[in-house]
């Protein structure tokens, strides 16, 4: 199918998913990127305690807390 034909189907509101190969799709900006951060020992210990309370790894709780804070900052700036 030519691009123009696919565009016409899309523009007319038809479902074009059967014409797409979704097995190779990737969300932009979601690929992991490794960073190294040095924390004082008391922070690492506190993170471990909190992570254990909710049954996740230290890395998971760091990711969730940072994501929550960034979302809050973006919401605050938007208002």
PDB file of N, CA and C in Angstrom:
ATOM      1  N   UNK A   1       0.843  -1.171   0.000  1.00  0.00           N
ATOM      2  CA  UNK A   1       0.000   0.000   0.000  1.00  0.00           C
ATOM      3  C   UNK A   1       0.892   1.239   0.000  1.00  0.00           C
ATOM      4  N   UNK A   2       0.514   2.190  -0.776  1.00  0.00           N
ATOM      5  CA  UNK A   2       1.267   3.435  -0.853  1.00  0.00           C
ATOM      6  C   UNK A   2       0.913   4.336   0.333  1.00  0.00           C
ATOM      7  N   UNK A   3       1.843   5.202   0.669  1.00  0.00           N
ATOM      8  CA  UNK A   3       1.658   6.106   1.792  1.00  0.00           C
ATOM      9  C   UNK A   3       0.417   6.970   1.619  1.00  0.00           C
ATOM     10  N   UNK A   4       0.161   7.404   0.394  1.00  0.00           N
ATOM     11  CA  UNK A   4      -1.008   8.253   0.136  1.00  0.00           C
ATOM     12  C   UNK A   4      -2.299   7.505   0.435  1.00  0.00           C
ATOM     13  N   UNK A   5      -2.333   6.222   0.113  1.00  0.00           N
ATOM     14  CA  UNK A   5      -3.525   5.406   0.379  1.00  0.00           C
ATOM     15  C   UNK A   5      -3.734   5.236   1.885  1.00  0.00           C
ATOM     16  N   UNK A   6      -2.645   4.984   2.583  1.00  0.00           N
ATOM     17  CA  UNK A   6      -2.719   4.836   4.028  1.00  0.00           C
ATOM     18  C   UNK A   6      -3.165   6.153   4.676  1.00  0.00           C
ATOM     19  N   UNK A   7      -2.620   7.261   4.207  1.00  0.00           N
ATOM     20  CA  UNK A   7      -3.027   8.576   4.699  1.00  0.00           C
ATOM     21  C   UNK A   7      -4.519   8.813   4.493  1.00  0.00           C
ATOM     22  N   UNK A   8      -5.019   8.436   3.331  1.00  0.00           N
ATOM     23  CA  UNK A   8      -6.440   8.635   3.024  1.00  0.00           C
ATOM     24  C   UNK A   8      -7.315   7.797   3.955  1.00  0.00           C
ATOM     25  N   UNK A   9      -6.911   6.549   4.205  1.00  0.00           N
ATOM     26  CA  UNK A   9      -7.672   5.709   5.136  1.00  0.00           C
ATOM     27  C   UNK A   9      -7.683   6.326   6.530  1.00  0.00           C
ATOM     28  N   UNK A  10      -6.524   6.764   6.982  1.00  0.00           N
ATOM     29  CA  UNK A  10      -6.412   7.379   8.310  1.00  0.00           C
ATOM     30  C   UNK A  10      -7.263   8.645   8.398  1.00  0.00           C
ATOM     31  N   UNK A  11      -7.144   9.491   7.385  1.00  0.00           N
ATOM     32  CA  UNK A  11      -7.890  10.748   7.375  1.00  0.00           C
ATOM     33  C   UNK A  11      -9.400  10.539   7.356  1.00  0.00           C
ATOM     34  N   UNK A  12      -9.839   9.405   6.782  1.00  0.00           N
ATOM     35  CA  UNK A  12     -11.279   9.126   6.737  1.00  0.00           C
ATOM     36  C   UNK A  12     -11.777   8.484   8.025  1.00  0.00           C
ATOM     37  N   UNK A  13     -10.849   8.246   8.962  1.00  0.00           N
ATOM     38  CA  UNK A  13     -11.248   7.715  10.262  1.00  0.00           C
ATOM     39  C   UNK A  13     -11.256   6.198  10.347  1.00  0.00           C
ATOM     40  N   UNK A  14     -10.763   5.527   9.316  1.00  0.00           N
ATOM     41  CA  UNK A  14     -10.752   4.067   9.331  1.00  0.00           C
ATOM     42  C   UNK A  14      -9.624   3.537  10.210  1.00  0.00           C
ATOM     43  N   UNK A  15      -9.810   2.326  10.710  1.00  0.00           N
ATOM     44  CA  UNK A  15      -8.788   1.650  11.518  1.00  0.00           C
ATOM     45  C   UNK A  15      -7.696   1.155  10.576  1.00  0.00           C
ATOM     46  N   UNK A  16      -6.497   1.693  10.740  1.00  0.00           N
ATOM     47  CA  UNK A  16      -5.399   1.314   9.847  1.00  0.00           C
ATOM     48  C   UNK A  16      -4.441   0.324  10.500  1.00  0.00           C
ATOM     49  N   UNK A  17      -4.773  -0.148  11.704  1.00  0.00           N
ATOM     50  CA  UNK A  17      -3.848  -0.995  12.447  1.00  0.00           C
ATOM     51  C   UNK A  17      -3.498  -2.290  11.715  1.00  0.00           C
ATOM     52  N   UNK A  18      -4.410  -2.807  10.903  1.00  0.00           N
ATOM     53  CA  UNK A  18      -4.101  -4.037  10.164  1.00  0.00           C
ATOM     54  C   UNK A  18      -3.011  -3.827   9.117  1.00  0.00           C
ATOM     55  N   UNK A  19      -2.747  -2.596   8.784  1.00  0.00           N
ATOM     56  CA  UNK A  19      -1.732  -2.273   7.782  1.00  0.00           C
ATOM     57  C   UNK A  19      -0.372  -1.941   8.410  1.00  0.00           C
ATOM     58  N   UNK A  20      -0.295  -2.006   9.738  1.00  0.00           N
ATOM     59  CA  UNK A  20       0.930  -1.635  10.440  1.00  0.00           C
ATOM     60  C   UNK A  20       1.572  -2.850  11.076  1.00  0.00           C
ATOM     61  N   UNK A  21       2.891  -2.859  11.134  1.00  0.00           N
ATOM     62  CA  UNK A  21       3.635  -3.894  11.848  1.00  0.00           C
ATOM     63  C   UNK A  21       3.980  -3.330  13.219  1.00  0.00           C
ATOM     64  N   UNK A  22       3.188  -3.701  14.226  1.00  0.00           N
ATOM     65  CA  UNK A  22       3.355  -3.154  15.567  1.00  0.00           C
ATOM     66  C   UNK A  22       4.375  -3.923  16.400  1.00  0.00           C
ATOM     67  N   UNK A  23       4.968  -4.963  15.835  1.00  0.00           N
ATOM     68  CA  UNK A  23       5.938  -5.767  16.591  1.00  0.00           C
ATOM     69  C   UNK A  23       7.258  -5.036  16.799  1.00  0.00           C
ATOM     70  N   UNK A  24       7.507  -4.019  16.027  1.00  0.00           N
ATOM     71  CA  UNK A  24       8.783  -3.311  16.142  1.00  0.00           C
ATOM     72  C   UNK A  24       8.619  -1.888  16.658  1.00  0.00           C
ATOM     73  N   UNK A  25       7.430  -1.543  17.138  1.00  0.00           N
ATOM     74  CA  UNK A  25       7.216  -0.181  17.617  1.00  0.00           C
ATOM     75  C   UNK A  25       7.900   0.040  18.961  1.00  0.00           C
ATOM     76  N   UNK A  26       8.320   1.273  19.183  1.00  0.00           N
ATOM     77  CA  UNK A  26       8.956   1.667  20.438  1.00  0.00           C
ATOM     78  C   UNK A  26       8.438   3.037  20.828  1.00  0.00           C
ATOM     79  N   UNK A  27       8.245   3.231  22.116  1.00  0.00           N
ATOM     80  CA  UNK A  27       7.860   4.555  22.605  1.00  0.00           C
ATOM     81  C   UNK A  27       9.120   5.390  22.754  1.00  0.00           C
ATOM     82  N   UNK A  28       9.101   6.555  22.196  1.00  0.00           N
ATOM     83  CA  UNK A  28      10.249   7.449  22.243  1.00  0.00           C
ATOM     84  C   UNK A  28      10.444   7.944  23.678  1.00  0.00           C
ATOM     85  N   UNK A  29      11.683   7.933  24.110  1.00  0.00           N
ATOM     86  CA  UNK A  29      12.007   8.450  25.421  1.00  0.00           C
ATOM     87  C   UNK A  29      11.812   7.474  26.565  1.00  0.00           C
ATOM     88  N   UNK A  30      11.514   6.217  26.271  1.00  0.00           N
ATOM     89  CA  UNK A  30      11.300   5.247  27.348  1.00  0.00           C
ATOM     90  C   UNK A  30      12.431   4.237  27.473  1.00  0.00           C
ATOM     91  N   UNK A  31      13.430   4.349  26.629  1.00  0.00           N
ATOM     92  CA  UNK A  31      14.565   3.434  26.723  1.00  0.00           C
ATOM     93  C   UNK A  31      15.364   3.767  27.983  1.00  0.00           C
ATOM     94  N   UNK A  32      15.744   2.741  28.737  1.00  0.00           N
ATOM     95  CA  UNK A  32      16.508   3.015  29.960  1.00  0.00           C
ATOM     96  C   UNK A  32      17.858   3.659  29.658  1.00  0.00           C
ATOM     97  N   UNK A  33      18.242   4.550  30.519  1.00  0.00           N
ATOM     98  CA  UNK A  33      19.555   5.177  30.420  1.00  0.00           C
ATOM     99  C   UNK A  33      20.165   5.133  31.812  1.00  0.00           C
ATOM    100  N   UNK A  34      21.324   4.563  31.907  1.00  0.00           N
ATOM    101  CA  UNK A  34      21.974   4.379  33.199  1.00  0.00           C
ATOM    102  C   UNK A  34      22.600   5.682  33.677  1.00  0.00           C
ATOM    103  N   UNK A  35      22.357   5.980  34.962  1.00  0.00           N
ATOM    104  CA  UNK A  35      23.001   7.107  35.613  1.00  0.00           C
ATOM    105  C   UNK A  35      23.555   6.619  36.951  1.00  0.00           C
ATOM    106  N   UNK A  36      24.605   7.232  37.379  1.00  0.00           N
ATOM    107  CA  UNK A  36      25.184   6.891  38.677  1.00  0.00           C
ATOM    108  C   UNK A  36      25.008   8.075  39.610  1.00  0.00           C
ATOM    109  N   UNK A  37      24.506   7.786  40.796  1.00  0.00           N
ATOM    110  CA  UNK A  37      24.287   8.825  41.791  1.00  0.00           C
ATOM    111  C   UNK A  37      24.876   8.330  43.110  1.00  0.00           C
ATOM    112  N   UNK A  38      25.648   9.161  43.744  1.00  0.00           N
ATOM    113  CA  UNK A  38      26.204   8.817  45.047  1.00  0.00           C
ATOM    114  C   UNK A  38      25.326   9.428  46.133  1.00  0.00           C
ATOM    115  N   UNK A  39      24.851   8.574  47.057  1.00  0.00           N
ATOM    116  CA  UNK A  39      24.037   9.015  48.181  1.00  0.00           C
ATOM    117  C   UNK A  39      24.802   8.772  49.469  1.00  0.00           C
ATOM    118  N   UNK A  40      24.560   9.608  50.475  1.00  0.00           N
ATOM    119  CA  UNK A  40      25.128   9.314  51.794  1.00  0.00           C
ATOM    120  C   UNK A  40      24.535   7.994  52.312  1.00  0.00           C
ATOM    121  N   UNK A  41      25.272   7.354  53.162  1.00  0.00           N
ATOM    122  CA  UNK A  41      24.850   6.051  53.680  1.00  0.00           C
ATOM    123  C   UNK A  41      23.478   6.101  54.345  1.00  0.00           C
ATOM    124  N   UNK A  42      23.182   7.187  55.072  1.00  0.00           N
ATOM    125  CA  UNK A  42      21.889   7.259  55.753  1.00  0.00           C
ATOM    126  C   UNK A  42      20.726   7.264  54.768  1.00  0.00           C
ATOM    127  N   UNK A  43      20.925   7.864  53.577  1.00  0.00           N
ATOM    128  CA  UNK A  43      19.863   7.867  52.565  1.00  0.00           C
ATOM    129  C   UNK A  43      19.671   6.466  52.001  1.00  0.00           C
ATOM    130  N   UNK A  44      20.765   5.780  51.723  1.00  0.00           N
ATOM    131  CA  UNK A  44      20.680   4.410  51.207  1.00  0.00           C
ATOM    132  C   UNK A  44      19.952   3.521  52.215  1.00  0.00           C
ATOM    133  N   UNK A  45      20.305   3.663  53.496  1.00  0.00           N
ATOM    134  CA  UNK A  45      19.641   2.862  54.533  1.00  0.00           C
ATOM    135  C   UNK A  45      18.147   3.178  54.602  1.00  0.00           C
ATOM    136  N   UNK A  46      17.812   4.455  54.551  1.00  0.00           N
ATOM    137  CA  UNK A  46      16.407   4.855  54.602  1.00  0.00           C
ATOM    138  C   UNK A  46      15.647   4.349  53.370  1.00  0.00           C
ATOM    139  N   UNK A  47      16.286   4.419  52.207  1.00  0.00           N
ATOM    140  CA  UNK A  47      15.657   3.898  50.991  1.00  0.00           C
ATOM    141  C   UNK A  47      15.393   2.396  51.111  1.00  0.00           C
ATOM    142  N   UNK A  48      16.367   1.677  51.635  1.00  0.00           N
ATOM    143  CA  UNK A  48      16.204   0.236  51.805  1.00  0.00           C
ATOM    144  C   UNK A  48      15.048  -0.101  52.745  1.00  0.00           C
ATOM    145  N   UNK A  49      14.918   0.669  53.816  1.00  0.00           N
ATOM    146  CA  UNK A  49      13.826   0.436  54.772  1.00  0.00           C
ATOM    147  C   UNK A  49      12.471   0.677  54.095  1.00  0.00           C
ATOM    148  N   UNK A  50      12.364   1.794  53.377  1.00  0.00           N
ATOM    149  CA  UNK A  50      11.100   2.110  52.708  1.00  0.00           C
ATOM    150  C   UNK A  50      10.788   1.100  51.601  1.00  0.00           C
ATOM    151  N   UNK A  51      11.802   0.714  50.863  1.00  0.00           N
ATOM    152  CA  UNK A  51      11.598  -0.262  49.791  1.00  0.00           C
ATOM    153  C   UNK A  51      11.125  -1.600  50.361  1.00  0.00           C
ATOM    154  N   UNK A  52      11.721  -2.012  51.467  1.00  0.00           N
ATOM    155  CA  UNK A  52      11.337  -3.275  52.090  1.00  0.00           C
ATOM    156  C   UNK A  52       9.893  -3.224  52.586  1.00  0.00           C
ATOM    157  N   UNK A  53       9.478  -2.075  53.113  1.00  0.00           N
ATOM    158  CA  UNK A  53       8.101  -1.920  53.603  1.00  0.00           C
ATOM    159  C   UNK A  53       7.067  -2.224  52.523  1.00  0.00           C
ATOM    160  N   UNK A  54       7.360  -1.766  51.298  1.00  0.00           N
ATOM    161  CA  UNK A  54       6.384  -1.962  50.221  1.00  0.00           C
ATOM    162  C   UNK A  54       6.744  -3.099  49.277  1.00  0.00           C
ATOM    163  N   UNK A  55       7.840  -3.784  49.573  1.00  0.00           N
ATOM    164  CA  UNK A  55       8.204  -4.980  48.813  1.00  0.00           C
ATOM    165  C   UNK A  55       8.750  -4.733  47.427  1.00  0.00           C
ATOM    166  N   UNK A  56       9.543  -3.682  47.300  1.00  0.00           N
ATOM    167  CA  UNK A  56      10.182  -3.401  46.011  1.00  0.00           C
ATOM    168  C   UNK A  56      11.684  -3.232  46.219  1.00  0.00           C
ATOM    169  N   UNK A  57      12.406  -3.120  45.138  1.00  0.00           N
ATOM    170  CA  UNK A  57      13.848  -2.919  45.234  1.00  0.00           C
ATOM    171  C   UNK A  57      14.166  -1.449  45.485  1.00  0.00           C
ATOM    172  N   UNK A  58      15.369  -1.195  45.917  1.00  0.00           N
ATOM    173  CA  UNK A  58      15.835   0.178  46.110  1.00  0.00           C
ATOM    174  C   UNK A  58      15.724   0.963  44.800  1.00  0.00           C
ATOM    175  N   UNK A  59      16.147   0.350  43.726  1.00  0.00           N
ATOM    176  CA  UNK A  59      16.101   1.029  42.431  1.00  0.00           C
ATOM    177  C   UNK A  59      14.658   1.398  42.065  1.00  0.00           C
ATOM    178  N   UNK A  60      13.730   0.499  42.328  1.00  0.00           N
ATOM    179  CA  UNK A  60      12.332   0.769  41.999  1.00  0.00           C
ATOM    180  C   UNK A  60      11.780   1.950  42.775  1.00  0.00           C
ATOM    181  N   UNK A  61      12.069   1.995  44.069  1.00  0.00           N
ATOM    182  CA  UNK A  61      11.529   3.100  44.864  1.00  0.00           C
ATOM    183  C   UNK A  61      12.158   4.429  44.461  1.00  0.00           C
ATOM    184  N   UNK A  62      13.425   4.409  44.108  1.00  0.00           N
ATOM    185  CA  UNK A  62      14.073   5.638  43.630  1.00  0.00           C
ATOM    186  C   UNK A  62      13.394   6.114  42.348  1.00  0.00           C
ATOM    187  N   UNK A  63      13.159   5.204  41.414  1.00  0.00           N
ATOM    188  CA  UNK A  63      12.522   5.577  40.148  1.00  0.00           C
ATOM    189  C   UNK A  63      11.122   6.137  40.367  1.00  0.00           C
ATOM    190  N   UNK A  64      10.340   5.459  41.196  1.00  0.00           N
ATOM    191  CA  UNK A  64       8.968   5.897  41.443  1.00  0.00           C
ATOM    192  C   UNK A  64       8.954   7.264  42.117  1.00  0.00           C
ATOM    193  N   UNK A  65       9.769   7.443  43.148  1.00  0.00           N
ATOM    194  CA  UNK A  65       9.767   8.713  43.870  1.00  0.00           C
ATOM    195  C   UNK A  65      10.235   9.865  42.993  1.00  0.00           C
ATOM    196  N   UNK A  66      11.244   9.622  42.185  1.00  0.00           N
ATOM    197  CA  UNK A  66      11.718  10.693  41.297  1.00  0.00           C
ATOM    198  C   UNK A  66      10.650  11.013  40.245  1.00  0.00           C
ATOM    199  N   UNK A  67      10.031   9.980  39.683  1.00  0.00           N
ATOM    200  CA  UNK A  67       8.975  10.206  38.689  1.00  0.00           C
ATOM    201  C   UNK A  67       7.812  10.984  39.300  1.00  0.00           C
ATOM    202  N   UNK A  68       7.423  10.627  40.535  1.00  0.00           N
ATOM    203  CA  UNK A  68       6.340  11.349  41.205  1.00  0.00           C
ATOM    204  C   UNK A  68       6.701  12.818  41.415  1.00  0.00           C
ATOM    205  N   UNK A  69       7.910  13.059  41.833  1.00  0.00           N
ATOM    206  CA  UNK A  69       8.339  14.443  42.085  1.00  0.00           C
ATOM    207  C   UNK A  69       8.385  15.252  40.791  1.00  0.00           C
ATOM    208  N   UNK A  70       8.913  14.643  39.734  1.00  0.00           N
ATOM    209  CA  UNK A  70       8.972  15.346  38.455  1.00  0.00           C
ATOM    210  C   UNK A  70       7.579  15.664  37.935  1.00  0.00           C
ATOM    211  N   UNK A  71       6.652  14.723  38.090  1.00  0.00           N
ATOM    212  CA  UNK A  71       5.276  14.958  37.655  1.00  0.00           C
ATOM    213  C   UNK A  71       4.654  16.090  38.466  1.00  0.00           C
ATOM    214  N   UNK A  72       4.891  16.102  39.769  1.00  0.00           N
ATOM    215  CA  UNK A  72       4.370  17.167  40.621  1.00  0.00           C
ATOM    216  C   UNK A  72       4.941  18.521  40.211  1.00  0.00           C
ATOM    217  N   UNK A  73       6.229  18.559  39.906  1.00  0.00           N
ATOM    218  CA  UNK A  73       6.858  19.813  39.479  1.00  0.00           C
ATOM    219  C   UNK A  73       6.266  20.293  38.165  1.00  0.00           C
ATOM    220  N   UNK A  74       6.024  19.374  37.237  1.00  0.00           N
ATOM    221  CA  UNK A  74       5.446  19.758  35.942  1.00  0.00           C
ATOM    222  C   UNK A  74       4.024  20.260  36.128  1.00  0.00           C
ATOM    223  N   UNK A  75       3.274  19.621  37.005  1.00  0.00           N
ATOM    224  CA  UNK A  75       1.901  20.052  37.280  1.00  0.00           C
ATOM    225  C   UNK A  75       1.908  21.437  37.930  1.00  0.00           C
ATOM    226  N   UNK A  76       2.826  21.641  38.865  1.00  0.00           N
ATOM    227  CA  UNK A  76       2.930  22.926  39.548  1.00  0.00           C
ATOM    228  C   UNK A  76       3.287  24.048  38.571  1.00  0.00           C
ATOM    229  N   UNK A  77       4.200  23.778  37.658  1.00  0.00           N
ATOM    230  CA  UNK A  77       4.620  24.794  36.687  1.00  0.00           C
ATOM    231  C   UNK A  77       3.510  25.097  35.693  1.00  0.00           C
ATOM    232  N   UNK A  78       2.663  24.095  35.381  1.00  0.00           N
ATOM    233  CA  UNK A  78       1.596  24.293  34.398  1.00  0.00           C
ATOM    234  C   UNK A  78       0.465  25.142  34.967  1.00  0.00           C
ATOM    235  N   UNK A  79       0.328  25.191  36.282  1.00  0.00           N
ATOM    236  CA  UNK A  79      -0.784  25.956  36.863  1.00  0.00           C
ATOM    237  C   UNK A  79      -0.413  27.365  37.219  1.00  0.00           C
TER     238      UNK A  79
END
